[in-house]
Amino acid sequence: MHVVIPDDYQDVVRTLDCFEKLNGFDVTIYSDSVKDVETLATHFQEADALVLIRERTAIREELLARLPHLELICQTGRGIPHIDLDACTRHGVAVAVGGGSPYAPAELTWGLILAATRHIPSEVESMKAGRWQSTPGIGVGLHGRTLGIYGYGNIGWLVAGYGRAFGMRVLVWGRIGSLARARADGYEAAESKAALFQQSDVLSLHIKLNEETRGVVSAADLAQMKLSALLVNTSRAELIEHGALEAALRAGRPGFAAVDVYENEPVIDHPLLRMDNVLCTPHIGYVERDTYESYFSTAFDQLLAFSKGQPVELLNPQVLR
């Protein structure tokens, strides 16, 4: 089988221990980022299987129609908003999905919170430039402050635990089931969504993106935040109303943001990058070696099973009939 792995930005997949599982396969890896269908079709023209890195490449009807050899897509991670599953089924392309780990994105979230509240990046750069404690303003501690968690799933649960360990008051908002689980774990449920935004010193988003949650954080929500508050988004950019975060930061509510996700990635230029009250990272929430080993080991096992006529974890097993 000819296997194509696109969007390996850092060219690290071949360095993983699990890459040995593909010995004997014809493997092509692309480290560039391509969006236009013409180039993607050229890259994938001879592919029997694609191994996708999360949601970096969109697979739609127009592209599938130009890939006559494609039989299998292995998706690292479980979400597939970038894959037209019905189109894959029509074209006889099986789609296999893996799982995920909440630890890496939760750890990055906490890293961003510490970096933003204590001005770590700017202090490091200032010291490298020969200046001592010269960053404008002064950082703040977390102990005794309120950590807002919007969405109490696996990642939100971990971040809430980190907040508790740092001596923060943890305030949770989400669906009814999420609030019940948070209360059972000893956390305080916010009286309302408005109360969450009004009371949080640090507010972290941990909501899955779907049509119901797209734009769930509005400009009006952000306008209720404290002047000193920090908003953290390591989930999905589309959870926030388009353009609302940039406008809110210019207006001063919240006073600061730490962001790992963007509407169109990769980001070369973005309004947030030009703002002094924003800390930006390039969607690295899941990008660390242990997570990659887990993601790709699962994907390669799925590929091996498919090649032996024993496919596993397919979302559309009907294509086999």
C-alpha atoms as a PDB file:
ATOM      1  CA  MET A   1       0.000   0.000   0.000  1.00  0.00           C
ATOM      2  CA  HIS A   2       1.069   3.558  -0.706  1.00  0.00           C
ATOM      3  CA  VAL A   3       0.558   5.571   2.481  1.00  0.00           C
ATOM      4  CA  VAL A   4       0.575   9.384   2.536  1.00  0.00           C
ATOM      5  CA  ILE A   5       0.921  11.425   5.736  1.00  0.00           C
ATOM      6  CA  PRO A   6       0.305  15.162   5.137  1.00  0.00           C
ATOM      7  CA  ASP A   7       0.874  18.207   7.317  1.00  0.00           C
ATOM      8  CA  ASP A   8       3.737  16.871   9.425  1.00  0.00           C
ATOM      9  CA  TYR A   9       4.817  20.457  10.062  1.00  0.00           C
ATOM     10  CA  GLN A  10       7.832  19.561  12.207  1.00  0.00           C
ATOM     11  CA  ASP A  11       8.812  16.450  10.217  1.00  0.00           C
ATOM     12  CA  VAL A  12       8.690  14.308  13.356  1.00  0.00           C
ATOM     13  CA  VAL A  13       6.468  11.352  12.440  1.00  0.00           C
ATOM     14  CA  ARG A  14       9.380   9.385  10.992  1.00  0.00           C
ATOM     15  CA  THR A  15      11.248   9.834  14.312  1.00  0.00           C
ATOM     16  CA  LEU A  16       8.514   8.123  16.364  1.00  0.00           C
ATOM     17  CA  ASP A  17       9.120   4.634  17.724  1.00  0.00           C
ATOM     18  CA  CYS A  18       5.821   3.458  16.240  1.00  0.00           C
ATOM     19  CA  PHE A  19       6.906   4.469  12.718  1.00  0.00           C
ATOM     20  CA  GLU A  20       8.619   1.083  12.471  1.00  0.00           C
ATOM     21  CA  LYS A  21       5.153  -0.430  12.123  1.00  0.00           C
ATOM     22  CA  LEU A  22       5.102   0.896   8.558  1.00  0.00           C
ATOM     23  CA  ASN A  23       8.184  -1.049   7.496  1.00  0.00           C
ATOM     24  CA  GLY A  24       7.329  -2.617   4.157  1.00  0.00           C
ATOM     25  CA  PHE A  25       4.866   0.103   3.181  1.00  0.00           C
ATOM     26  CA  ASP A  26       5.522   2.793   0.581  1.00  0.00           C
ATOM     27  CA  VAL A  27       5.263   5.944   2.729  1.00  0.00           C
ATOM     28  CA  THR A  28       5.279   9.579   1.616  1.00  0.00           C
ATOM     29  CA  ILE A  29       5.319  12.360   4.220  1.00  0.00           C
ATOM     30  CA  TYR A  30       4.623  16.033   3.480  1.00  0.00           C
ATOM     31  CA  SER A  31       5.730  18.685   5.966  1.00  0.00           C
ATOM     32  CA  ASP A  32       4.169  21.633   4.144  1.00  0.00           C
ATOM     33  CA  SER A  33       0.676  22.955   4.666  1.00  0.00           C
ATOM     34  CA  VAL A  34      -1.557  22.769   1.608  1.00  0.00           C
ATOM     35  CA  LYS A  35      -5.181  23.847   1.346  1.00  0.00           C
ATOM     36  CA  ASP A  36      -5.997  24.023  -2.366  1.00  0.00           C
ATOM     37  CA  VAL A  37      -7.605  20.937  -3.868  1.00  0.00           C
ATOM     38  CA  GLU A  38      -5.376  20.927  -6.949  1.00  0.00           C
ATOM     39  CA  THR A  39      -2.171  20.500  -4.944  1.00  0.00           C
ATOM     40  CA  LEU A  40      -3.733  18.066  -2.499  1.00  0.00           C
ATOM     41  CA  ALA A  41      -4.958  15.925  -5.377  1.00  0.00           C
ATOM     42  CA  THR A  42      -1.439  15.843  -6.780  1.00  0.00           C
ATOM     43  CA  HIS A  43       0.031  14.879  -3.406  1.00  0.00           C
ATOM     44  CA  PHE A  44      -2.567  12.159  -2.813  1.00  0.00           C
ATOM     45  CA  GLN A  45      -2.944  10.922  -6.385  1.00  0.00           C
ATOM     46  CA  GLU A  46      -1.343   7.511  -5.803  1.00  0.00           C
ATOM     47  CA  ALA A  47      -2.368   7.097  -2.173  1.00  0.00           C
ATOM     48  CA  ASP A  48      -4.112   3.921  -1.066  1.00  0.00           C
ATOM     49  CA  ALA A  49      -4.312   5.257   2.491  1.00  0.00           C
ATOM     50  CA  LEU A  50      -4.048   8.625   4.227  1.00  0.00           C
ATOM     51  CA  VAL A  51      -2.982   9.109   7.826  1.00  0.00           C
ATOM     52  CA  LEU A  52      -4.230  12.527   8.904  1.00  0.00           C
ATOM     53  CA  ILE A  53      -2.846  14.627  11.739  1.00  0.00           C
ATOM     54  CA  ARG A  54      -5.932  15.797  13.542  1.00  0.00           C
ATOM     55  CA  GLU A  55      -7.901  18.366  11.530  1.00  0.00           C
ATOM     56  CA  ARG A  56      -5.123  19.888   9.458  1.00  0.00           C
ATOM     57  CA  THR A  57      -6.372  18.612   6.071  1.00  0.00           C
ATOM     58  CA  ALA A  58      -9.998  18.830   4.925  1.00  0.00           C
ATOM     59  CA  ILE A  59     -11.327  15.833   3.025  1.00  0.00           C
ATOM     60  CA  ARG A  60     -14.369  16.801   0.934  1.00  0.00           C
ATOM     61  CA  GLU A  61     -16.216  15.604  -2.159  1.00  0.00           C
ATOM     62  CA  GLU A  62     -14.177  17.658  -4.624  1.00  0.00           C
ATOM     63  CA  LEU A  63     -10.928  16.098  -3.429  1.00  0.00           C
ATOM     64  CA  LEU A  64     -12.237  12.549  -3.036  1.00  0.00           C
ATOM     65  CA  ALA A  65     -13.485  12.542  -6.624  1.00  0.00           C
ATOM     66  CA  ARG A  66      -9.890  12.924  -7.766  1.00  0.00           C
ATOM     67  CA  LEU A  67      -8.375  10.110  -5.696  1.00  0.00           C
ATOM     68  CA  PRO A  68      -9.130   6.865  -7.549  1.00  0.00           C
ATOM     69  CA  HIS A  69      -6.839   4.651  -5.454  1.00  0.00           C
ATOM     70  CA  LEU A  70      -7.829   5.825  -1.991  1.00  0.00           C
ATOM     71  CA  GLU A  71      -9.299   3.076   0.205  1.00  0.00           C
ATOM     72  CA  LEU A  72      -8.651   4.159   3.780  1.00  0.00           C
ATOM     73  CA  ILE A  73      -8.320   7.282   5.913  1.00  0.00           C
ATOM     74  CA  CYS A  74      -6.844   6.851   9.395  1.00  0.00           C
ATOM     75  CA  GLN A  75      -7.712   9.827  11.572  1.00  0.00           C
ATOM     76  CA  THR A  76      -5.516  10.601  14.559  1.00  0.00           C
ATOM     77  CA  GLY A  77      -7.921  11.694  17.257  1.00  0.00           C
ATOM     78  CA  ARG A  78     -11.649  11.105  17.348  1.00  0.00           C
ATOM     79  CA  GLY A  79     -13.188  14.264  15.900  1.00  0.00           C
ATOM     80  CA  ILE A  80     -13.811  14.499  12.156  1.00  0.00           C
ATOM     81  CA  PRO A  81     -15.400  17.910  11.434  1.00  0.00           C
ATOM     82  CA  HIS A  82     -12.925  18.203   8.538  1.00  0.00           C
ATOM     83  CA  ILE A  83     -13.978  14.920   6.892  1.00  0.00           C
ATOM     84  CA  ASP A  84     -17.153  14.522   4.811  1.00  0.00           C
ATOM     85  CA  LEU A  85     -18.028  11.017   5.982  1.00  0.00           C
ATOM     86  CA  ASP A  86     -20.964  10.624   3.595  1.00  0.00           C
ATOM     87  CA  ALA A  87     -18.743  11.552   0.650  1.00  0.00           C
ATOM     88  CA  CYS A  88     -16.122   9.063   1.821  1.00  0.00           C
ATOM     89  CA  THR A  89     -18.769   6.362   1.935  1.00  0.00           C
ATOM     90  CA  ARG A  90     -20.018   7.206  -1.560  1.00  0.00           C
ATOM     91  CA  HIS A  91     -16.477   6.904  -2.876  1.00  0.00           C
ATOM     92  CA  GLY A  92     -15.833   3.646  -1.048  1.00  0.00           C
ATOM     93  CA  VAL A  93     -13.270   5.127   1.323  1.00  0.00           C
ATOM     94  CA  ALA A  94     -13.215   3.637   4.826  1.00  0.00           C
ATOM     95  CA  VAL A  95     -12.596   6.042   7.719  1.00  0.00           C
ATOM     96  CA  ALA A  96     -10.981   4.796  10.922  1.00  0.00           C
ATOM     97  CA  VAL A  97     -10.683   6.954  14.027  1.00  0.00           C
ATOM     98  CA  GLY A  98      -8.566   6.729  17.140  1.00  0.00           C
ATOM     99  CA  GLY A  99      -8.831   8.116  20.622  1.00  0.00           C
ATOM    100  CA  GLY A 100      -7.090  10.892  22.448  1.00  0.00           C
ATOM    101  CA  SER A 101      -5.540  11.914  25.728  1.00  0.00           C
ATOM    102  CA  PRO A 102      -6.640  14.950  27.746  1.00  0.00           C
ATOM    103  CA  TYR A 103      -3.322  15.391  29.531  1.00  0.00           C
ATOM    104  CA  ALA A 104      -1.276  17.243  26.901  1.00  0.00           C
ATOM    105  CA  PRO A 105      -3.858  19.989  26.197  1.00  0.00           C
ATOM    106  CA  ALA A 106      -4.628  20.353  29.902  1.00  0.00           C
ATOM    107  CA  GLU A 107      -0.931  20.768  30.684  1.00  0.00           C
ATOM    108  CA  LEU A 108      -0.510  23.367  27.950  1.00  0.00           C
ATOM    109  CA  THR A 109      -3.544  25.222  29.286  1.00  0.00           C
ATOM    110  CA  TRP A 110      -1.946  25.466  32.688  1.00  0.00           C
ATOM    111  CA  GLY A 111       1.363  26.481  31.160  1.00  0.00           C
ATOM    112  CA  LEU A 112      -0.368  29.330  29.343  1.00  0.00           C
ATOM    113  CA  ILE A 113      -2.111  30.434  32.525  1.00  0.00           C
ATOM    114  CA  LEU A 114       1.171  30.615  34.428  1.00  0.00           C
ATOM    115  CA  ALA A 115       3.003  32.244  31.523  1.00  0.00           C
ATOM    116  CA  ALA A 116       0.330  34.892  31.057  1.00  0.00           C
ATOM    117  CA  THR A 117      -0.321  35.780  34.697  1.00  0.00           C
ATOM    118  CA  ARG A 118       3.397  36.035  35.549  1.00  0.00           C
ATOM    119  CA  HIS A 119       4.484  37.612  32.228  1.00  0.00           C
ATOM    120  CA  ILE A 120       7.040  34.832  31.739  1.00  0.00           C
ATOM    121  CA  PRO A 121       7.616  35.186  27.949  1.00  0.00           C
ATOM    122  CA  SER A 122       8.186  38.953  28.073  1.00  0.00           C
ATOM    123  CA  GLU A 123      10.422  38.704  31.144  1.00  0.00           C
ATOM    124  CA  VAL A 124      12.561  36.055  29.416  1.00  0.00           C
ATOM    125  CA  GLU A 125      12.939  38.172  26.289  1.00  0.00           C
ATOM    126  CA  SER A 126      13.642  41.273  28.350  1.00  0.00           C
ATOM    127  CA  MET A 127      16.416  39.534  30.290  1.00  0.00           C
ATOM    128  CA  LYS A 128      17.971  38.205  27.075  1.00  0.00           C
ATOM    129  CA  ALA A 129      18.091  41.799  25.884  1.00  0.00           C
ATOM    130  CA  GLY A 130      20.012  42.822  29.002  1.00  0.00           C
ATOM    131  CA  ARG A 131      17.148  44.312  31.000  1.00  0.00           C
ATOM    132  CA  TRP A 132      16.278  43.314  34.560  1.00  0.00           C
ATOM    133  CA  GLN A 133      12.613  43.219  35.643  1.00  0.00           C
ATOM    134  CA  SER A 134      11.684  45.764  33.024  1.00  0.00           C
ATOM    135  CA  THR A 135       8.391  44.394  31.739  1.00  0.00           C
ATOM    136  CA  PRO A 136       5.642  47.019  32.140  1.00  0.00           C
ATOM    137  CA  GLY A 137       3.276  46.112  34.942  1.00  0.00           C
ATOM    138  CA  ILE A 138       3.648  43.303  37.421  1.00  0.00           C
ATOM    139  CA  GLY A 139       2.355  39.751  37.375  1.00  0.00           C
ATOM    140  CA  VAL A 140      -0.269  38.305  39.699  1.00  0.00           C
ATOM    141  CA  GLY A 141      -0.485  35.070  41.662  1.00  0.00           C
ATOM    142  CA  LEU A 142      -3.207  32.461  41.304  1.00  0.00           C
ATOM    143  CA  HIS A 143      -3.779  31.422  44.922  1.00  0.00           C
ATOM    144  CA  GLY A 144      -7.125  32.675  46.180  1.00  0.00           C
ATOM    145  CA  ARG A 145      -8.334  33.817  42.774  1.00  0.00           C
ATOM    146  CA  THR A 146     -11.242  32.357  40.801  1.00  0.00           C
ATOM    147  CA  LEU A 147     -10.673  29.897  37.977  1.00  0.00           C
ATOM    148  CA  GLY A 148     -13.655  29.595  35.639  1.00  0.00           C
ATOM    149  CA  ILE A 149     -14.041  26.346  33.695  1.00  0.00           C
ATOM    150  CA  TYR A 150     -16.470  26.490  30.772  1.00  0.00           C
ATOM    151  CA  GLY A 151     -17.084  22.855  29.842  1.00  0.00           C
ATOM    152  CA  TYR A 152     -16.395  20.095  32.349  1.00  0.00           C
ATOM    153  CA  GLY A 153     -15.247  17.190  30.202  1.00  0.00           C
ATOM    154  CA  ASN A 154     -12.000  15.248  30.532  1.00  0.00           C
ATOM    155  CA  ILE A 155      -9.788  18.284  29.895  1.00  0.00           C
ATOM    156  CA  GLY A 156     -11.894  20.670  31.978  1.00  0.00           C
ATOM    157  CA  TRP A 157     -11.790  18.171  34.844  1.00  0.00           C
ATOM    158  CA  LEU A 158      -7.984  18.065  34.739  1.00  0.00           C
ATOM    159  CA  VAL A 159      -7.615  21.851  34.586  1.00  0.00           C
ATOM    160  CA  ALA A 160     -10.022  22.212  37.486  1.00  0.00           C
ATOM    161  CA  GLY A 161      -7.789  19.866  39.473  1.00  0.00           C
ATOM    162  CA  TYR A 162      -4.740  21.972  38.678  1.00  0.00           C
ATOM    163  CA  GLY A 163      -6.614  25.039  39.890  1.00  0.00           C
ATOM    164  CA  ARG A 164      -7.521  23.308  43.124  1.00  0.00           C
ATOM    165  CA  ALA A 165      -3.860  22.317  43.649  1.00  0.00           C
ATOM    166  CA  PHE A 166      -2.887  25.991  43.248  1.00  0.00           C
ATOM    167  CA  GLY A 167      -5.395  27.060  45.879  1.00  0.00           C
ATOM    168  CA  MET A 168      -7.883  28.657  43.502  1.00  0.00           C
ATOM    169  CA  ARG A 169     -11.621  28.841  43.819  1.00  0.00           C
ATOM    170  CA  VAL A 170     -12.906  26.734  40.915  1.00  0.00           C
ATOM    171  CA  LEU A 171     -16.174  27.792  39.291  1.00  0.00           C
ATOM    172  CA  VAL A 172     -17.740  25.580  36.594  1.00  0.00           C
ATOM    173  CA  TRP A 173     -20.353  26.182  33.906  1.00  0.00           C
ATOM    174  CA  GLY A 174     -21.652  23.867  31.217  1.00  0.00           C
ATOM    175  CA  ARG A 175     -24.464  21.448  30.501  1.00  0.00           C
ATOM    176  CA  ILE A 176     -26.626  20.021  33.275  1.00  0.00           C
ATOM    177  CA  GLY A 177     -24.678  16.765  33.344  1.00  0.00           C
ATOM    178  CA  SER A 178     -21.366  18.620  33.509  1.00  0.00           C
ATOM    179  CA  LEU A 179     -22.540  20.738  36.409  1.00  0.00           C
ATOM    180  CA  ALA A 180     -23.725  17.640  38.287  1.00  0.00           C
ATOM    181  CA  ARG A 181     -20.330  15.965  37.820  1.00  0.00           C
ATOM    182  CA  ALA A 182     -18.524  19.128  38.934  1.00  0.00           C
ATOM    183  CA  ARG A 183     -20.603  19.344  42.108  1.00  0.00           C
ATOM    184  CA  ALA A 184     -19.975  15.655  42.802  1.00  0.00           C
ATOM    185  CA  ASP A 185     -16.244  16.366  42.522  1.00  0.00           C
ATOM    186  CA  GLY A 186     -16.522  19.147  45.076  1.00  0.00           C
ATOM    187  CA  TYR A 187     -16.484  22.140  42.742  1.00  0.00           C
ATOM    188  CA  GLU A 188     -18.812  25.109  42.710  1.00  0.00           C
ATOM    189  CA  ALA A 189     -21.262  25.458  39.830  1.00  0.00           C
ATOM    190  CA  ALA A 190     -21.817  29.001  38.598  1.00  0.00           C
ATOM    191  CA  GLU A 191     -25.304  30.394  39.051  1.00  0.00           C
ATOM    192  CA  SER A 192     -25.391  31.263  35.358  1.00  0.00           C
ATOM    193  CA  LYS A 193     -23.206  31.700  32.312  1.00  0.00           C
ATOM    194  CA  ALA A 194     -23.125  35.423  33.051  1.00  0.00           C
ATOM    195  CA  ALA A 195     -21.912  34.760  36.589  1.00  0.00           C
ATOM    196  CA  LEU A 196     -19.050  32.647  35.234  1.00  0.00           C
ATOM    197  CA  PHE A 197     -17.828  35.480  33.008  1.00  0.00           C
ATOM    198  CA  GLN A 198     -18.326  38.132  35.670  1.00  0.00           C
ATOM    199  CA  GLN A 199     -16.568  36.333  38.518  1.00  0.00           C
ATOM    200  CA  SER A 200     -13.643  34.566  36.833  1.00  0.00           C
ATOM    201  CA  ASP A 201     -10.131  35.923  37.203  1.00  0.00           C
ATOM    202  CA  VAL A 202      -9.006  33.222  34.776  1.00  0.00           C
ATOM    203  CA  LEU A 203     -11.566  31.700  32.410  1.00  0.00           C
ATOM    204  CA  SER A 204     -10.612  28.615  30.396  1.00  0.00           C
ATOM    205  CA  LEU A 205     -12.723  27.168  27.565  1.00  0.00           C
ATOM    206  CA  HIS A 206     -13.052  23.381  27.304  1.00  0.00           C
ATOM    207  CA  ILE A 207     -16.055  22.845  25.049  1.00  0.00           C
ATOM    208  CA  LYS A 208     -16.340  20.566  22.040  1.00  0.00           C
ATOM    209  CA  LEU A 209     -17.025  22.402  18.799  1.00  0.00           C
ATOM    210  CA  ASN A 210     -20.242  21.548  16.972  1.00  0.00           C
ATOM    211  CA  GLU A 211     -23.046  23.515  15.369  1.00  0.00           C
ATOM    212  CA  GLU A 212     -24.656  24.071  18.760  1.00  0.00           C
ATOM    213  CA  THR A 213     -21.498  25.486  20.368  1.00  0.00           C
ATOM    214  CA  ARG A 214     -20.164  27.490  17.420  1.00  0.00           C
ATOM    215  CA  GLY A 215     -20.037  31.118  18.631  1.00  0.00           C
ATOM    216  CA  VAL A 216     -21.262  30.132  22.093  1.00  0.00           C
ATOM    217  CA  VAL A 217     -19.012  32.827  23.604  1.00  0.00           C
ATOM    218  CA  SER A 218     -20.379  36.163  22.415  1.00  0.00           C
ATOM    219  CA  ALA A 219     -19.127  39.714  22.505  1.00  0.00           C
ATOM    220  CA  ALA A 220     -21.675  40.373  25.242  1.00  0.00           C
ATOM    221  CA  ASP A 221     -20.203  37.536  27.321  1.00  0.00           C
ATOM    222  CA  LEU A 222     -16.676  38.917  27.007  1.00  0.00           C
ATOM    223  CA  ALA A 223     -17.836  42.430  27.879  1.00  0.00           C
ATOM    224  CA  GLN A 224     -18.878  41.127  31.318  1.00  0.00           C
ATOM    225  CA  MET A 225     -15.369  40.003  32.235  1.00  0.00           C
ATOM    226  CA  LYS A 226     -13.119  41.846  34.658  1.00  0.00           C
ATOM    227  CA  LEU A 227     -10.585  44.359  33.382  1.00  0.00           C
ATOM    228  CA  SER A 228      -7.897  42.201  35.009  1.00  0.00           C
ATOM    229  CA  ALA A 229      -9.243  38.837  33.774  1.00  0.00           C
ATOM    230  CA  LEU A 230      -7.438  36.320  31.578  1.00  0.00           C
ATOM    231  CA  LEU A 231      -9.298  34.309  28.920  1.00  0.00           C
ATOM    232  CA  VAL A 232      -7.638  31.053  27.815  1.00  0.00           C
ATOM    233  CA  ASN A 233      -8.683  29.143  24.707  1.00  0.00           C
ATOM    234  CA  THR A 234      -6.956  25.848  23.904  1.00  0.00           C
ATOM    235  CA  SER A 235     -10.150  24.265  22.549  1.00  0.00           C
ATOM    236  CA  ARG A 236     -11.390  25.766  19.264  1.00  0.00           C
ATOM    237  CA  ALA A 237     -11.340  29.326  17.978  1.00  0.00           C
ATOM    238  CA  GLU A 238     -14.842  29.016  16.539  1.00  0.00           C
ATOM    239  CA  LEU A 239     -16.305  28.728  20.037  1.00  0.00           C
ATOM    240  CA  ILE A 240     -15.920  32.507  20.218  1.00  0.00           C
ATOM    241  CA  GLU A 241     -18.030  34.739  17.997  1.00  0.00           C
ATOM    242  CA  HIS A 242     -15.997  35.779  14.964  1.00  0.00           C
ATOM    243  CA  GLY A 243     -13.947  38.906  15.695  1.00  0.00           C
ATOM    244  CA  ALA A 244     -15.326  39.244  19.217  1.00  0.00           C
ATOM    245  CA  LEU A 245     -12.131  38.410  21.091  1.00  0.00           C
ATOM    246  CA  GLU A 246      -9.992  40.962  19.253  1.00  0.00           C
ATOM    247  CA  ALA A 247     -12.600  43.669  19.830  1.00  0.00           C
ATOM    248  CA  ALA A 248     -13.001  42.726  23.488  1.00  0.00           C
ATOM    249  CA  LEU A 249      -9.254  42.853  24.122  1.00  0.00           C
ATOM    250  CA  ARG A 250      -9.041  46.289  22.537  1.00  0.00           C
ATOM    251  CA  ALA A 251     -11.878  47.414  24.796  1.00  0.00           C
ATOM    252  CA  GLY A 252     -10.063  45.997  27.829  1.00  0.00           C
ATOM    253  CA  ARG A 253     -12.460  43.244  28.878  1.00  0.00           C
ATOM    254  CA  PRO A 254     -10.856  40.817  29.382  1.00  0.00           C
ATOM    255  CA  GLY A 255      -7.509  42.429  30.027  1.00  0.00           C
ATOM    256  CA  PHE A 256      -5.496  39.533  28.623  1.00  0.00           C
ATOM    257  CA  ALA A 257      -5.892  36.367  26.554  1.00  0.00           C
ATOM    258  CA  ALA A 258      -3.828  33.231  25.950  1.00  0.00           C
ATOM    259  CA  VAL A 259      -4.734  31.470  22.713  1.00  0.00           C
ATOM    260  CA  ASP A 260      -3.597  28.221  21.075  1.00  0.00           C
ATOM    261  CA  VAL A 261      -6.277  27.895  18.373  1.00  0.00           C
ATOM    262  CA  TYR A 262      -7.333  29.940  15.335  1.00  0.00           C
ATOM    263  CA  GLU A 263     -10.091  29.829  12.757  1.00  0.00           C
ATOM    264  CA  ASN A 264      -7.692  29.236   9.852  1.00  0.00           C
ATOM    265  CA  GLU A 265      -4.470  27.361  10.515  1.00  0.00           C
ATOM    266  CA  PRO A 266      -1.549  27.497  10.173  1.00  0.00           C
ATOM    267  CA  VAL A 267      -1.399  31.172  11.108  1.00  0.00           C
ATOM    268  CA  ILE A 268       1.165  33.404   9.444  1.00  0.00           C
ATOM    269  CA  ASP A 269      -0.485  36.721  10.234  1.00  0.00           C
ATOM    270  CA  HIS A 270      -3.318  37.384  12.665  1.00  0.00           C
ATOM    271  CA  PRO A 271      -4.633  40.424  14.570  1.00  0.00           C
ATOM    272  CA  LEU A 272      -3.943  38.684  17.896  1.00  0.00           C
ATOM    273  CA  LEU A 273      -0.246  38.427  17.066  1.00  0.00           C
ATOM    274  CA  ARG A 274      -0.029  42.197  16.954  1.00  0.00           C
ATOM    275  CA  MET A 275      -1.589  42.762  20.379  1.00  0.00           C
ATOM    276  CA  ASP A 276       0.500  43.229  23.521  1.00  0.00           C
ATOM    277  CA  ASN A 277      -2.164  41.728  25.800  1.00  0.00           C
ATOM    278  CA  VAL A 278      -2.252  38.336  24.050  1.00  0.00           C
ATOM    279  CA  LEU A 279      -0.043  35.284  24.394  1.00  0.00           C
ATOM    280  CA  CYS A 280      -0.233  33.113  21.268  1.00  0.00           C
ATOM    281  CA  THR A 281       1.003  29.561  20.692  1.00  0.00           C
ATOM    282  CA  PRO A 282       0.728  27.638  17.372  1.00  0.00           C
ATOM    283  CA  HIS A 283      -1.909  24.999  18.253  1.00  0.00           C
ATOM    284  CA  ILE A 284       0.466  22.792  20.223  1.00  0.00           C
ATOM    285  CA  GLY A 285      -2.054  21.566  22.779  1.00  0.00           C
ATOM    286  CA  TYR A 286      -1.741  17.970  21.559  1.00  0.00           C
ATOM    287  CA  VAL A 287       1.699  18.324  19.972  1.00  0.00           C
ATOM    288  CA  GLU A 288       4.071  16.424  22.233  1.00  0.00           C
ATOM    289  CA  ARG A 289       5.858  13.108  21.822  1.00  0.00           C
ATOM    290  CA  ASP A 290       3.766  10.851  24.064  1.00  0.00           C
ATOM    291  CA  THR A 291       0.539  11.984  22.424  1.00  0.00           C
ATOM    292  CA  TYR A 292       2.014  11.541  18.938  1.00  0.00           C
ATOM    293  CA  GLU A 293       3.203   8.027  19.814  1.00  0.00           C
ATOM    294  CA  SER A 294      -0.303   7.159  20.998  1.00  0.00           C
ATOM    295  CA  TYR A 295      -2.095   8.769  18.040  1.00  0.00           C
ATOM    296  CA  PHE A 296       0.108   7.297  15.342  1.00  0.00           C
ATOM    297  CA  SER A 297       0.534   3.882  16.930  1.00  0.00           C
ATOM    298  CA  THR A 298      -3.256   3.506  16.830  1.00  0.00           C
ATOM    299  CA  ALA A 299      -3.471   4.803  13.266  1.00  0.00           C
ATOM    300  CA  PHE A 300      -0.710   2.500  12.047  1.00  0.00           C
ATOM    301  CA  ASP A 301      -2.348  -0.499  13.760  1.00  0.00           C
ATOM    302  CA  GLN A 302      -5.580   0.358  11.949  1.00  0.00           C
ATOM    303  CA  LEU A 303      -3.702   0.531   8.659  1.00  0.00           C
ATOM    304  CA  LEU A 304      -2.028  -2.836   9.274  1.00  0.00           C
ATOM    305  CA  ALA A 305      -5.343  -4.447  10.172  1.00  0.00           C
ATOM    306  CA  PHE A 306      -6.984  -3.030   7.045  1.00  0.00           C
ATOM    307  CA  SER A 307      -4.169  -4.302   4.839  1.00  0.00           C
ATOM    308  CA  LYS A 308      -4.760  -7.798   6.255  1.00  0.00           C
ATOM    309  CA  GLY A 309      -8.483  -7.645   5.530  1.00  0.00           C
ATOM    310  CA  GLN A 310      -9.382  -7.235   9.209  1.00  0.00           C
ATOM    311  CA  PRO A 311     -10.370  -3.544   9.512  1.00  0.00           C
ATOM    312  CA  VAL A 312     -11.053  -2.077  12.938  1.00  0.00           C
ATOM    313  CA  GLU A 313     -12.629   1.079  14.372  1.00  0.00           C
ATOM    314  CA  LEU A 314     -14.338   2.130  11.134  1.00  0.00           C
ATOM    315  CA  LEU A 315     -16.979   4.852  11.207  1.00  0.00           C
ATOM    316  CA  ASN A 316     -18.464   3.606   7.917  1.00  0.00           C
ATOM    317  CA  PRO A 317     -18.036  -0.179   7.810  1.00  0.00           C
ATOM    318  CA  GLN A 318     -20.726  -0.366   5.119  1.00  0.00           C
ATOM    319  CA  VAL A 319     -18.089   0.547   2.504  1.00  0.00           C
ATOM    320  CA  LEU A 320     -16.692  -2.957   2.898  1.00  0.00           C
ATOM    321  CA  ARG A 321     -19.923  -4.397   1.538  1.00  0.00           C
END
